[in-house]
Amino acid sequence: MFESAIEAEATVWPVGLRYLEPEGTADVGVAFLGEDSLIASMLRIVARPTTDIHLWFAPPLVAFGSTRRELAQQAQDAIAQWVGGHRERADVPTMPRTMMAYPFFPPLSAA
């Protein structure tokens, strides 16, 4: 996926997901296991009686000029900082505000 973003000179929006039990502990029942298919994993998640899902959108990354491994590491670092409780901008190369065509957080749709 990162190679396509680099070739298209696209903006990459790192997104962190955290699944929690109602009391705030990690919900390990939704863990993606290496042998699971995406469909099996999604079905297991939606079948759970309650799971809180927390989403974090890290600052956008500039794909142009990076290798796919570098871009993947930048995205992983940004997500780790945000999910780890650091709400300030992640310490990774990001797109200058003047170049951004979209708001800081991507729009969400319930559709």
PDB file of N, CA and C in Angstrom:
ATOM      1  N   MET A   1       0.805  -1.192   0.000  1.00  0.00           N
ATOM      2  CA  MET A   1       0.000   0.000   0.000  1.00  0.00           C
ATOM      3  C   MET A   1       0.856   1.267   0.000  1.00  0.00           C
ATOM      4  N   PHE A   2       1.950   1.254   0.727  1.00  0.00           N
ATOM      5  CA  PHE A   2       2.774   2.461   0.802  1.00  0.00           C
ATOM      6  C   PHE A   2       3.443   2.759  -0.532  1.00  0.00           C
ATOM      7  N   GLU A   3       3.793   1.730  -1.281  1.00  0.00           N
ATOM      8  CA  GLU A   3       4.420   1.954  -2.590  1.00  0.00           C
ATOM      9  C   GLU A   3       3.478   2.715  -3.513  1.00  0.00           C
ATOM     10  N   SER A   4       2.206   2.368  -3.492  1.00  0.00           N
ATOM     11  CA  SER A   4       1.218   3.074  -4.314  1.00  0.00           C
ATOM     12  C   SER A   4       1.099   4.538  -3.902  1.00  0.00           C
ATOM     13  N   ALA A   5       1.123   4.795  -2.595  1.00  0.00           N
ATOM     14  CA  ALA A   5       1.048   6.176  -2.101  1.00  0.00           C
ATOM     15  C   ALA A   5       2.265   6.975  -2.543  1.00  0.00           C
ATOM     16  N   ILE A   6       3.433   6.354  -2.517  1.00  0.00           N
ATOM     17  CA  ILE A   6       4.661   7.031  -2.934  1.00  0.00           C
ATOM     18  C   ILE A   6       4.599   7.364  -4.418  1.00  0.00           C
ATOM     19  N   GLU A   7       4.205   6.385  -5.239  1.00  0.00           N
ATOM     20  CA  GLU A   7       4.123   6.615  -6.684  1.00  0.00           C
ATOM     21  C   GLU A   7       3.105   7.693  -7.034  1.00  0.00           C
ATOM     22  N   ALA A   8       2.011   7.765  -6.282  1.00  0.00           N
ATOM     23  CA  ALA A   8       0.962   8.747  -6.552  1.00  0.00           C
ATOM     24  C   ALA A   8       1.240  10.083  -5.860  1.00  0.00           C
ATOM     25  N   GLU A   9       2.328  10.156  -5.107  1.00  0.00           N
ATOM     26  CA  GLU A   9       2.662  11.351  -4.327  1.00  0.00           C
ATOM     27  C   GLU A   9       1.470  11.757  -3.458  1.00  0.00           C
ATOM     28  N   ALA A  10       0.864  10.753  -2.840  1.00  0.00           N
ATOM     29  CA  ALA A  10      -0.341  10.944  -2.047  1.00  0.00           C
ATOM     30  C   ALA A  10      -0.013  11.320  -0.604  1.00  0.00           C
ATOM     31  N   THR A  11      -1.021  11.812   0.076  1.00  0.00           N
ATOM     32  CA  THR A  11      -0.927  12.062   1.500  1.00  0.00           C
ATOM     33  C   THR A  11      -1.330  10.783   2.217  1.00  0.00           C
ATOM     34  N   VAL A  12      -0.574  10.401   3.232  1.00  0.00           N
ATOM     35  CA  VAL A  12      -0.874   9.207   4.021  1.00  0.00           C
ATOM     36  C   VAL A  12      -1.358   9.656   5.393  1.00  0.00           C
ATOM     37  N   TRP A  13      -2.527   9.176   5.805  1.00  0.00           N
ATOM     38  CA  TRP A  13      -3.085   9.499   7.126  1.00  0.00           C
ATOM     39  C   TRP A  13      -2.938   8.281   8.020  1.00  0.00           C
ATOM     40  N   PRO A  14      -1.940   8.253   8.907  1.00  0.00           N
ATOM     41  CA  PRO A  14      -1.821   7.127   9.843  1.00  0.00           C
ATOM     42  C   PRO A  14      -3.020   7.110  10.797  1.00  0.00           C
ATOM     43  N   VAL A  15      -3.588   5.940  10.993  1.00  0.00           N
ATOM     44  CA  VAL A  15      -4.737   5.788  11.882  1.00  0.00           C
ATOM     45  C   VAL A  15      -4.421   4.707  12.901  1.00  0.00           C
ATOM     46  N   GLY A  16      -4.622   5.036  14.172  1.00  0.00           N
ATOM     47  CA  GLY A  16      -4.442   4.063  15.240  1.00  0.00           C
ATOM     48  C   GLY A  16      -5.793   3.595  15.744  1.00  0.00           C
ATOM     49  N   LEU A  17      -5.914   2.307  16.006  1.00  0.00           N
ATOM     50  CA  LEU A  17      -7.141   1.718  16.539  1.00  0.00           C
ATOM     51  C   LEU A  17      -6.819   1.068  17.875  1.00  0.00           C
ATOM     52  N   ARG A  18      -7.707   1.233  18.835  1.00  0.00           N
ATOM     53  CA  ARG A  18      -7.570   0.533  20.110  1.00  0.00           C
ATOM     54  C   ARG A  18      -8.947  -0.002  20.488  1.00  0.00           C
ATOM     55  N   TYR A  19      -9.012  -1.299  20.791  1.00  0.00           N
ATOM     56  CA  TYR A  19     -10.256  -1.942  21.188  1.00  0.00           C
ATOM     57  C   TYR A  19     -10.212  -2.150  22.693  1.00  0.00           C
ATOM     58  N   LEU A  20     -11.256  -1.648  23.405  1.00  0.00           N
ATOM     59  CA  LEU A  20     -11.288  -1.727  24.858  1.00  0.00           C
ATOM     60  C   LEU A  20     -12.570  -2.378  25.355  1.00  0.00           C
ATOM     61  N   GLU A  21     -12.434  -3.105  26.472  1.00  0.00           N
ATOM     62  CA  GLU A  21     -13.595  -3.602  27.197  1.00  0.00           C
ATOM     63  C   GLU A  21     -14.280  -2.395  27.835  1.00  0.00           C
ATOM     64  N   PRO A  22     -15.555  -2.500  28.213  1.00  0.00           N
ATOM     65  CA  PRO A  22     -16.245  -1.365  28.832  1.00  0.00           C
ATOM     66  C   PRO A  22     -15.531  -0.796  30.065  1.00  0.00           C
ATOM     67  N   GLU A  23     -14.807  -1.627  30.817  1.00  0.00           N
ATOM     68  CA  GLU A  23     -14.104  -1.121  32.001  1.00  0.00           C
ATOM     69  C   GLU A  23     -12.754  -0.493  31.672  1.00  0.00           C
ATOM     70  N   GLY A  24     -12.370  -0.472  30.384  1.00  0.00           N
ATOM     71  CA  GLY A  24     -11.165   0.223  29.963  1.00  0.00           C
ATOM     72  C   GLY A  24      -9.949  -0.647  29.711  1.00  0.00           C
ATOM     73  N   THR A  25     -10.034  -1.944  29.923  1.00  0.00           N
ATOM     74  CA  THR A  25      -8.905  -2.829  29.646  1.00  0.00           C
ATOM     75  C   THR A  25      -8.910  -3.223  28.171  1.00  0.00           C
ATOM     76  N   ALA A  26      -7.756  -3.646  27.688  1.00  0.00           N
ATOM     77  CA  ALA A  26      -7.646  -4.050  26.276  1.00  0.00           C
ATOM     78  C   ALA A  26      -8.567  -5.234  25.997  1.00  0.00           C
ATOM     79  N   ASP A  27      -9.283  -5.192  24.893  1.00  0.00           N
ATOM     80  CA  ASP A  27     -10.165  -6.280  24.478  1.00  0.00           C
ATOM     81  C   ASP A  27      -9.371  -7.203  23.565  1.00  0.00           C
ATOM     82  N   VAL A  28      -8.787  -8.234  24.149  1.00  0.00           N
ATOM     83  CA  VAL A  28      -7.932  -9.148  23.385  1.00  0.00           C
ATOM     84  C   VAL A  28      -8.744 -10.089  22.502  1.00  0.00           C
ATOM     85  N   GLY A  29     -10.041 -10.149  22.716  1.00  0.00           N
ATOM     86  CA  GLY A  29     -10.900 -11.004  21.899  1.00  0.00           C
ATOM     87  C   GLY A  29     -11.032 -10.547  20.461  1.00  0.00           C
ATOM     88  N   VAL A  30     -10.619  -9.327  20.176  1.00  0.00           N
ATOM     89  CA  VAL A  30     -10.721  -8.822  18.813  1.00  0.00           C
ATOM     90  C   VAL A  30      -9.368  -8.819  18.100  1.00  0.00           C
ATOM     91  N   ALA A  31      -8.364  -9.377  18.715  1.00  0.00           N
ATOM     92  CA  ALA A  31      -7.013  -9.373  18.141  1.00  0.00           C
ATOM     93  C   ALA A  31      -7.012 -10.075  16.782  1.00  0.00           C
ATOM     94  N   PHE A  32      -6.324  -9.461  15.826  1.00  0.00           N
ATOM     95  CA  PHE A  32      -6.169 -10.066  14.499  1.00  0.00           C
ATOM     96  C   PHE A  32      -5.064 -11.100  14.600  1.00  0.00           C
ATOM     97  N   LEU A  33      -5.407 -12.344  14.342  1.00  0.00           N
ATOM     98  CA  LEU A  33      -4.435 -13.427  14.410  1.00  0.00           C
ATOM     99  C   LEU A  33      -3.923 -13.705  13.014  1.00  0.00           C
ATOM    100  N   GLY A  34      -2.637 -13.973  12.889  1.00  0.00           N
ATOM    101  CA  GLY A  34      -1.977 -14.105  11.598  1.00  0.00           C
ATOM    102  C   GLY A  34      -2.648 -15.022  10.597  1.00  0.00           C
ATOM    103  N   GLU A  35      -3.322 -16.059  11.064  1.00  0.00           N
ATOM    104  CA  GLU A  35      -3.961 -17.007  10.147  1.00  0.00           C
ATOM    105  C   GLU A  35      -5.396 -16.630   9.836  1.00  0.00           C
ATOM    106  N   ASP A  36      -5.942 -15.639  10.533  1.00  0.00           N
ATOM    107  CA  ASP A  36      -7.319 -15.199  10.285  1.00  0.00           C
ATOM    108  C   ASP A  36      -7.417 -14.487   8.940  1.00  0.00           C
ATOM    109  N   SER A  37      -8.578 -14.626   8.316  1.00  0.00           N
ATOM    110  CA  SER A  37      -8.864 -13.791   7.161  1.00  0.00           C
ATOM    111  C   SER A  37      -9.413 -12.474   7.686  1.00  0.00           C
ATOM    112  N   LEU A  38      -9.407 -11.464   6.853  1.00  0.00           N
ATOM    113  CA  LEU A  38      -9.973 -10.181   7.250  1.00  0.00           C
ATOM    114  C   LEU A  38     -11.451 -10.331   7.593  1.00  0.00           C
ATOM    115  N   ILE A  39     -12.165 -11.122   6.796  1.00  0.00           N
ATOM    116  CA  ILE A  39     -13.600 -11.333   7.029  1.00  0.00           C
ATOM    117  C   ILE A  39     -13.821 -12.026   8.371  1.00  0.00           C
ATOM    118  N   ALA A  40     -13.060 -13.065   8.677  1.00  0.00           N
ATOM    119  CA  ALA A  40     -13.218 -13.768   9.957  1.00  0.00           C
ATOM    120  C   ALA A  40     -12.942 -12.836  11.127  1.00  0.00           C
ATOM    121  N   SER A  41     -11.935 -12.005  10.992  1.00  0.00           N
ATOM    122  CA  SER A  41     -11.606 -11.050  12.050  1.00  0.00           C
ATOM    123  C   SER A  41     -12.737 -10.039  12.238  1.00  0.00           C
ATOM    124  N   MET A  42     -13.246  -9.482  11.148  1.00  0.00           N
ATOM    125  CA  MET A  42     -14.327  -8.499  11.222  1.00  0.00           C
ATOM    126  C   MET A  42     -15.602  -9.119  11.809  1.00  0.00           C
ATOM    127  N   LEU A  43     -15.915 -10.343  11.418  1.00  0.00           N
ATOM    128  CA  LEU A  43     -17.101 -11.008  11.958  1.00  0.00           C
ATOM    129  C   LEU A  43     -16.971 -11.237  13.461  1.00  0.00           C
ATOM    130  N   ARG A  44     -15.788 -11.587  13.918  1.00  0.00           N
ATOM    131  CA  ARG A  44     -15.561 -11.781  15.350  1.00  0.00           C
ATOM    132  C   ARG A  44     -15.751 -10.465  16.109  1.00  0.00           C
ATOM    133  N   ILE A  45     -15.312  -9.362  15.515  1.00  0.00           N
ATOM    134  CA  ILE A  45     -15.446  -8.053  16.165  1.00  0.00           C
ATOM    135  C   ILE A  45     -16.912  -7.649  16.270  1.00  0.00           C
ATOM    136  N   VAL A  46     -17.655  -7.748  15.173  1.00  0.00           N
ATOM    137  CA  VAL A  46     -19.054  -7.294  15.200  1.00  0.00           C
ATOM    138  C   VAL A  46     -19.950  -8.235  16.004  1.00  0.00           C
ATOM    139  N   ALA A  47     -19.519  -9.470  16.258  1.00  0.00           N
ATOM    140  CA  ALA A  47     -20.309 -10.412  17.048  1.00  0.00           C
ATOM    141  C   ALA A  47     -20.162 -10.184  18.552  1.00  0.00           C
ATOM    142  N   ARG A  48     -19.204  -9.382  18.967  1.00  0.00           N
ATOM    143  CA  ARG A  48     -18.987  -9.150  20.398  1.00  0.00           C
ATOM    144  C   ARG A  48     -20.117  -8.301  20.961  1.00  0.00           C
ATOM    145  N   PRO A  49     -20.532  -8.585  22.209  1.00  0.00           N
ATOM    146  CA  PRO A  49     -21.635  -7.803  22.780  1.00  0.00           C
ATOM    147  C   PRO A  49     -21.283  -6.325  22.978  1.00  0.00           C
ATOM    148  N   THR A  50     -20.099  -6.033  23.457  1.00  0.00           N
ATOM    149  CA  THR A  50     -19.670  -4.640  23.623  1.00  0.00           C
ATOM    150  C   THR A  50     -18.161  -4.549  23.447  1.00  0.00           C
ATOM    151  N   THR A  51     -17.750  -3.600  22.683  1.00  0.00           N
ATOM    152  CA  THR A  51     -16.338  -3.266  22.516  1.00  0.00           C
ATOM    153  C   THR A  51     -16.272  -1.784  22.199  1.00  0.00           C
ATOM    154  N   ASP A  52     -15.456  -1.066  22.942  1.00  0.00           N
ATOM    155  CA  ASP A  52     -15.228   0.342  22.643  1.00  0.00           C
ATOM    156  C   ASP A  52     -14.062   0.432  21.677  1.00  0.00           C
ATOM    157  N   ILE A  53     -14.251   1.168  20.606  1.00  0.00           N
ATOM    158  CA  ILE A  53     -13.192   1.342  19.613  1.00  0.00           C
ATOM    159  C   ILE A  53     -12.749   2.796  19.648  1.00  0.00           C
ATOM    160  N   HIS A  54     -11.462   2.999  19.870  1.00  0.00           N
ATOM    161  CA  HIS A  54     -10.892   4.341  19.884  1.00  0.00           C
ATOM    162  C   HIS A  54     -10.044   4.507  18.633  1.00  0.00           C
ATOM    163  N   LEU A  55     -10.273   5.595  17.908  1.00  0.00           N
ATOM    164  CA  LEU A  55      -9.526   5.906  16.692  1.00  0.00           C
ATOM    165  C   LEU A  55      -8.685   7.150  16.928  1.00  0.00           C
ATOM    166  N   TRP A  56      -7.446   7.116  16.451  1.00  0.00           N
ATOM    167  CA  TRP A  56      -6.584   8.293  16.474  1.00  0.00           C
ATOM    168  C   TRP A  56      -6.099   8.541  15.063  1.00  0.00           C
ATOM    169  N   PHE A  57      -6.275   9.765  14.584  1.00  0.00           N
ATOM    170  CA  PHE A  57      -5.754  10.157  13.287  1.00  0.00           C
ATOM    171  C   PHE A  57      -4.510  10.994  13.544  1.00  0.00           C
ATOM    172  N   ALA A  58      -3.371  10.457  13.189  1.00  0.00           N
ATOM    173  CA  ALA A  58      -2.108  11.179  13.349  1.00  0.00           C
ATOM    174  C   ALA A  58      -1.985  12.209  12.226  1.00  0.00           C
ATOM    175  N   PRO A  59      -1.059  13.132  12.343  1.00  0.00           N
ATOM    176  CA  PRO A  59      -0.873  14.121  11.272  1.00  0.00           C
ATOM    177  C   PRO A  59      -0.551  13.430   9.944  1.00  0.00           C
ATOM    178  N   PRO A  60      -0.934  14.052   8.842  1.00  0.00           N
ATOM    179  CA  PRO A  60      -0.668  13.449   7.534  1.00  0.00           C
ATOM    180  C   PRO A  60       0.826  13.402   7.244  1.00  0.00           C
ATOM    181  N   LEU A  61       1.218  12.392   6.505  1.00  0.00           N
ATOM    182  CA  LEU A  61       2.615  12.215   6.105  1.00  0.00           C
ATOM    183  C   LEU A  61       2.750  12.452   4.612  1.00  0.00           C
ATOM    184  N   VAL A  62       3.875  12.996   4.218  1.00  0.00           N
ATOM    185  CA  VAL A  62       4.185  13.182   2.806  1.00  0.00           C
ATOM    186  C   VAL A  62       4.840  11.899   2.298  1.00  0.00           C
ATOM    187  N   ALA A  63       4.217  11.264   1.320  1.00  0.00           N
ATOM    188  CA  ALA A  63       4.751  10.001   0.805  1.00  0.00           C
ATOM    189  C   ALA A  63       5.916  10.220  -0.147  1.00  0.00           C
ATOM    190  N   PHE A  64       5.888  11.339  -0.876  1.00  0.00           N
ATOM    191  CA  PHE A  64       6.913  11.589  -1.894  1.00  0.00           C
ATOM    192  C   PHE A  64       8.294  11.690  -1.244  1.00  0.00           C
ATOM    193  N   GLY A  65       9.279  11.020  -1.826  1.00  0.00           N
ATOM    194  CA  GLY A  65      10.656  11.109  -1.352  1.00  0.00           C
ATOM    195  C   GLY A  65      11.033  10.089  -0.308  1.00  0.00           C
ATOM    196  N   SER A  66      10.101   9.227   0.083  1.00  0.00           N
ATOM    197  CA  SER A  66      10.386   8.188   1.067  1.00  0.00           C
ATOM    198  C   SER A  66      10.354   6.829   0.385  1.00  0.00           C
ATOM    199  N   THR A  67      11.038   5.867   0.973  1.00  0.00           N
ATOM    200  CA  THR A  67      10.868   4.479   0.545  1.00  0.00           C
ATOM    201  C   THR A  67       9.654   3.936   1.275  1.00  0.00           C
ATOM    202  N   ARG A  68       9.140   2.799   0.826  1.00  0.00           N
ATOM    203  CA  ARG A  68       7.966   2.243   1.502  1.00  0.00           C
ATOM    204  C   ARG A  68       8.287   1.837   2.935  1.00  0.00           C
ATOM    205  N   ARG A  69       9.507   1.370   3.177  1.00  0.00           N
ATOM    206  CA  ARG A  69       9.894   1.003   4.547  1.00  0.00           C
ATOM    207  C   ARG A  69      10.000   2.231   5.435  1.00  0.00           C
ATOM    208  N   GLU A  70      10.557   3.314   4.890  1.00  0.00           N
ATOM    209  CA  GLU A  70      10.653   4.564   5.662  1.00  0.00           C
ATOM    210  C   GLU A  70       9.262   5.104   5.982  1.00  0.00           C
ATOM    211  N   LEU A  71       8.391   5.094   4.982  1.00  0.00           N
ATOM    212  CA  LEU A  71       7.044   5.602   5.186  1.00  0.00           C
ATOM    213  C   LEU A  71       6.278   4.738   6.194  1.00  0.00           C
ATOM    214  N   ALA A  72       6.439   3.426   6.094  1.00  0.00           N
ATOM    215  CA  ALA A  72       5.791   2.530   7.059  1.00  0.00           C
ATOM    216  C   ALA A  72       6.294   2.806   8.473  1.00  0.00           C
ATOM    217  N   GLN A  73       7.593   3.028   8.635  1.00  0.00           N
ATOM    218  CA  GLN A  73       8.156   3.324   9.946  1.00  0.00           C
ATOM    219  C   GLN A  73       7.652   4.666  10.472  1.00  0.00           C
ATOM    220  N   GLN A  74       7.554   5.659   9.600  1.00  0.00           N
ATOM    221  CA  GLN A  74       7.028   6.966  10.011  1.00  0.00           C
ATOM    222  C   GLN A  74       5.582   6.835  10.491  1.00  0.00           C
ATOM    223  N   ALA A  75       4.780   6.070   9.760  1.00  0.00           N
ATOM    224  CA  ALA A  75       3.381   5.869  10.146  1.00  0.00           C
ATOM    225  C   ALA A  75       3.296   5.117  11.475  1.00  0.00           C
ATOM    226  N   GLN A  76       4.118   4.089  11.618  1.00  0.00           N
ATOM    227  CA  GLN A  76       4.117   3.324  12.871  1.00  0.00           C
ATOM    228  C   GLN A  76       4.540   4.203  14.046  1.00  0.00           C
ATOM    229  N   ASP A  77       5.561   5.021  13.859  1.00  0.00           N
ATOM    230  CA  ASP A  77       6.019   5.922  14.922  1.00  0.00           C
ATOM    231  C   ASP A  77       4.935   6.925  15.299  1.00  0.00           C
ATOM    232  N   ALA A  78       4.257   7.477  14.302  1.00  0.00           N
ATOM    233  CA  ALA A  78       3.193   8.456  14.565  1.00  0.00           C
ATOM    234  C   ALA A  78       2.054   7.821  15.347  1.00  0.00           C
ATOM    235  N   ILE A  79       1.649   6.634  14.947  1.00  0.00           N
ATOM    236  CA  ILE A  79       0.563   5.942  15.637  1.00  0.00           C
ATOM    237  C   ILE A  79       0.977   5.598  17.061  1.00  0.00           C
ATOM    238  N   ALA A  80       2.184   5.094  17.233  1.00  0.00           N
ATOM    239  CA  ALA A  80       2.658   4.727  18.572  1.00  0.00           C
ATOM    240  C   ALA A  80       2.659   5.929  19.507  1.00  0.00           C
ATOM    241  N   GLN A  81       3.069   7.091  19.019  1.00  0.00           N
ATOM    242  CA  GLN A  81       3.077   8.297  19.840  1.00  0.00           C
ATOM    243  C   GLN A  81       1.662   8.718  20.204  1.00  0.00           C
ATOM    244  N   TRP A  82       0.748   8.694  19.251  1.00  0.00           N
ATOM    245  CA  TRP A  82      -0.613   9.144  19.520  1.00  0.00           C
ATOM    246  C   TRP A  82      -1.357   8.175  20.411  1.00  0.00           C
ATOM    247  N   VAL A  83      -1.283   6.900  20.113  1.00  0.00           N
ATOM    248  CA  VAL A  83      -1.989   5.905  20.913  1.00  0.00           C
ATOM    249  C   VAL A  83      -1.386   5.824  22.312  1.00  0.00           C
ATOM    250  N   GLY A  84      -0.091   6.080  22.415  1.00  0.00           N
ATOM    251  CA  GLY A  84       0.588   6.039  23.705  1.00  0.00           C
ATOM    252  C   GLY A  84       0.246   7.214  24.608  1.00  0.00           C
ATOM    253  N   GLY A  85      -0.624   8.091  24.177  1.00  0.00           N
ATOM    254  CA  GLY A  85      -1.061   9.180  25.031  1.00  0.00           C
ATOM    255  C   GLY A  85      -0.434  10.514  24.717  1.00  0.00           C
ATOM    256  N   HIS A  86       0.428  10.575  23.724  1.00  0.00           N
ATOM    257  CA  HIS A  86       1.054  11.837  23.349  1.00  0.00           C
ATOM    258  C   HIS A  86       0.203  12.493  22.280  1.00  0.00           C
ATOM    259  N   ARG A  87      -0.569  13.491  22.647  1.00  0.00           N
ATOM    260  CA  ARG A  87      -1.489  14.116  21.714  1.00  0.00           C
ATOM    261  C   ARG A  87      -0.834  15.211  20.879  1.00  0.00           C
ATOM    262  N   GLU A  88       0.403  15.605  21.224  1.00  0.00           N
ATOM    263  CA  GLU A  88       1.061  16.614  20.395  1.00  0.00           C
ATOM    264  C   GLU A  88       1.411  15.992  19.044  1.00  0.00           C
ATOM    265  N   ARG A  89       1.760  16.803  18.115  1.00  0.00           N
ATOM    266  CA  ARG A  89       2.101  16.295  16.784  1.00  0.00           C
ATOM    267  C   ARG A  89       3.268  15.327  16.893  1.00  0.00           C
ATOM    268  N   ALA A  90       3.144  14.234  16.213  1.00  0.00           N
ATOM    269  CA  ALA A  90       4.183  13.218  16.242  1.00  0.00           C
ATOM    270  C   ALA A  90       5.475  13.762  15.638  1.00  0.00           C
ATOM    271  N   ASP A  91       6.594  13.273  16.099  1.00  0.00           N
ATOM    272  CA  ASP A  91       7.897  13.741  15.650  1.00  0.00           C
ATOM    273  C   ASP A  91       8.327  12.985  14.396  1.00  0.00           C
ATOM    274  N   VAL A  92       7.559  13.152  13.327  1.00  0.00           N
ATOM    275  CA  VAL A  92       7.868  12.533  12.037  1.00  0.00           C
ATOM    276  C   VAL A  92       7.620  13.588  10.957  1.00  0.00           C
ATOM    277  N   PRO A  93       8.249  13.462   9.795  1.00  0.00           N
ATOM    278  CA  PRO A  93       8.035  14.459   8.740  1.00  0.00           C
ATOM    279  C   PRO A  93       6.568  14.495   8.328  1.00  0.00           C
ATOM    280  N   THR A  94       5.977  15.661   8.340  1.00  0.00           N
ATOM    281  CA  THR A  94       4.577  15.803   7.967  1.00  0.00           C
ATOM    282  C   THR A  94       4.442  16.863   6.883  1.00  0.00           C
ATOM    283  N   MET A  95       3.280  16.905   6.298  1.00  0.00           N
ATOM    284  CA  MET A  95       2.993  17.869   5.239  1.00  0.00           C
ATOM    285  C   MET A  95       2.843  19.262   5.851  1.00  0.00           C
ATOM    286  N   PRO A  96       3.477  20.278   5.271  1.00  0.00           N
ATOM    287  CA  PRO A  96       3.289  21.643   5.774  1.00  0.00           C
ATOM    288  C   PRO A  96       1.827  22.050   5.688  1.00  0.00           C
ATOM    289  N   ARG A  97       1.353  22.793   6.686  1.00  0.00           N
ATOM    290  CA  ARG A  97      -0.052  23.203   6.737  1.00  0.00           C
ATOM    291  C   ARG A  97      -0.468  23.945   5.469  1.00  0.00           C
ATOM    292  N   THR A  98       0.430  24.712   4.880  1.00  0.00           N
ATOM    293  CA  THR A  98       0.069  25.484   3.689  1.00  0.00           C
ATOM    294  C   THR A  98      -0.195  24.591   2.485  1.00  0.00           C
ATOM    295  N   MET A  99       0.313  23.351   2.517  1.00  0.00           N
ATOM    296  CA  MET A  99       0.128  22.435   1.385  1.00  0.00           C
ATOM    297  C   MET A  99      -1.093  21.543   1.574  1.00  0.00           C
ATOM    298  N   MET A 100      -1.684  21.559   2.747  1.00  0.00           N
ATOM    299  CA  MET A 100      -2.778  20.631   3.025  1.00  0.00           C
ATOM    300  C   MET A 100      -4.061  21.081   2.349  1.00  0.00           C
ATOM    301  N   ALA A 101      -4.651  20.189   1.595  1.00  0.00           N
ATOM    302  CA  ALA A 101      -5.908  20.495   0.924  1.00  0.00           C
ATOM    303  C   ALA A 101      -7.096  20.040   1.764  1.00  0.00           C
ATOM    304  N   TYR A 102      -6.822  19.319   2.844  1.00  0.00           N
ATOM    305  CA  TYR A 102      -7.873  18.751   3.678  1.00  0.00           C
ATOM    306  C   TYR A 102      -7.709  19.270   5.104  1.00  0.00           C
ATOM    307  N   PRO A 103      -8.771  19.189   5.909  1.00  0.00           N
ATOM    308  CA  PRO A 103      -8.630  19.581   7.311  1.00  0.00           C
ATOM    309  C   PRO A 103      -7.658  18.645   8.025  1.00  0.00           C
ATOM    310  N   PHE A 104      -7.200  19.061   9.210  1.00  0.00           N
ATOM    311  CA  PHE A 104      -6.213  18.280   9.959  1.00  0.00           C
ATOM    312  C   PHE A 104      -6.674  16.843  10.168  1.00  0.00           C
ATOM    313  N   PHE A 105      -7.933  16.651  10.500  1.00  0.00           N
ATOM    314  CA  PHE A 105      -8.480  15.304  10.667  1.00  0.00           C
ATOM    315  C   PHE A 105      -9.346  14.977   9.456  1.00  0.00           C
ATOM    316  N   PRO A 106      -9.190  13.773   8.901  1.00  0.00           N
ATOM    317  CA  PRO A 106      -9.994  13.438   7.732  1.00  0.00           C
ATOM    318  C   PRO A 106     -11.467  13.351   8.137  1.00  0.00           C
ATOM    319  N   PRO A 107     -12.360  13.651   7.213  1.00  0.00           N
ATOM    320  CA  PRO A 107     -13.791  13.591   7.544  1.00  0.00           C
ATOM    321  C   PRO A 107     -14.218  12.144   7.778  1.00  0.00           C
ATOM    322  N   LEU A 108     -15.111  11.978   8.729  1.00  0.00           N
ATOM    323  CA  LEU A 108     -15.672  10.653   9.018  1.00  0.00           C
ATOM    324  C   LEU A 108     -17.104  10.632   8.557  1.00  0.00           C
ATOM    325  N   SER A 109     -17.535   9.506   8.071  1.00  0.00           N
ATOM    326  CA  SER A 109     -18.907   9.385   7.601  1.00  0.00           C
ATOM    327  C   SER A 109     -19.521   8.146   8.211  1.00  0.00           C
ATOM    328  N   ALA A 110     -20.737   8.265   8.667  1.00  0.00           N
ATOM    329  CA  ALA A 110     -21.451   7.120   9.229  1.00  0.00           C
ATOM    330  C   ALA A 110     -22.261   6.403   8.151  1.00  0.00           C
ATOM    331  N   ALA A 111     -22.113   6.827   6.926  1.00  0.00           N
ATOM    332  CA  ALA A 111     -22.921   6.259   5.837  1.00  0.00           C
ATOM    333  C   ALA A 111     -22.550   4.872   5.519  1.00  0.00           C
TER     334      ALA A 111
END
